[in-house]
Amino acid sequence: MARQKLQKCTACGAYGLSTTCGKCGEPAQAAGPMKWSPEDRQAQRRRKMYDVGSKEWLDSLPDFTSEEE
């Protein structure tokens, strides 16, 4: 089942609740971004899981200076 109920067809742009379009039969994807709340109750647990702030985590972040060169 899709994580978001409202789906949009990738081919014809029709909306529906299925992951396949009812009009043309092509695949459909989520119509909008997932909900996000600043009062995320799981944020502290997620930061702990990813060890945010550690040297390994900082080294895994992308480096944008290479694109400027």
Protein backbone atom coordinates (compact mmCIF):
# COMPACT_ATOMS: atom_id res chain seq x y z
CA MET A 1 0.00 0.00 0.00
CA ALA A 2 1.17 3.50 -0.76
CA ARG A 3 2.40 5.69 2.09
CA GLN A 4 0.14 8.48 0.88
CA LYS A 5 -3.39 7.80 -0.34
CA LEU A 6 -3.75 10.39 -3.12
CA GLN A 7 -1.81 9.30 -6.20
CA LYS A 8 -1.12 11.08 -9.52
CA CYS A 9 -0.56 9.25 -12.81
CA THR A 10 2.93 9.77 -14.26
CA ALA A 11 1.62 9.61 -17.85
CA CYS A 12 -1.74 11.40 -18.06
CA GLY A 13 -1.78 13.33 -14.76
CA ALA A 14 -5.08 11.88 -13.50
CA TYR A 15 -5.60 11.58 -9.75
CA GLY A 16 -6.76 8.47 -7.91
CA LEU A 17 -6.25 6.29 -4.85
CA SER A 18 -4.53 3.36 -6.58
CA THR A 19 -0.85 3.02 -7.54
CA THR A 20 -1.98 2.32 -11.12
CA CYS A 21 -3.99 4.82 -13.14
CA GLY A 22 -7.67 4.00 -13.63
CA LYS A 23 -7.74 5.77 -17.03
CA CYS A 24 -4.59 4.61 -18.83
CA GLY A 25 -3.16 1.84 -16.61
CA GLU A 26 0.23 3.52 -16.17
CA PRO A 27 1.92 3.71 -12.75
CA ALA A 28 0.97 6.49 -10.35
CA GLN A 29 3.02 8.09 -7.61
CA ALA A 30 2.33 10.19 -4.53
CA ALA A 31 0.64 13.45 -5.45
CA GLY A 32 2.52 15.55 -2.89
CA PRO A 33 5.28 15.42 -0.32
CA MET A 34 4.87 13.51 2.93
CA LYS A 35 3.67 15.44 5.96
CA TRP A 36 6.35 16.93 8.17
CA SER A 37 5.88 18.55 11.50
CA PRO A 38 8.31 20.69 13.50
CA GLU A 39 6.93 18.91 16.57
CA ASP A 40 8.28 15.57 15.30
CA ARG A 41 8.08 13.19 18.25
CA GLN A 42 10.63 10.76 16.78
CA ALA A 43 13.30 13.34 15.86
CA GLN A 44 15.43 12.73 18.95
CA ARG A 45 15.36 8.96 18.39
CA ARG A 46 16.22 9.39 14.70
CA ARG A 47 19.18 11.67 15.49
CA LYS A 48 20.46 9.12 18.00
CA MET A 49 20.04 6.29 15.47
CA TYR A 50 22.06 8.16 12.82
CA ASP A 51 24.55 9.40 15.45
CA VAL A 52 24.11 12.98 14.27
CA GLY A 53 27.04 15.18 15.22
CA SER A 54 29.67 12.42 15.23
CA LYS A 55 32.76 12.66 13.04
CA GLU A 56 31.55 9.77 10.85
CA TRP A 57 28.23 11.50 10.26
CA LEU A 58 29.93 14.79 9.39
CA ASP A 59 32.26 13.02 6.95
CA SER A 60 29.27 11.38 5.22
CA LEU A 61 27.71 14.75 4.32
CA PRO A 62 28.17 15.92 0.69
CA ASP A 63 30.93 18.37 -0.13
CA PHE A 64 29.83 21.17 -2.46
CA THR A 65 33.23 22.78 -2.95
CA SER A 66 34.17 20.25 -5.64
CA GLU A 67 31.33 21.44 -7.94
CA GLU A 68 32.55 25.05 -7.82
CA GLU A 69 35.98 24.15 -9.23
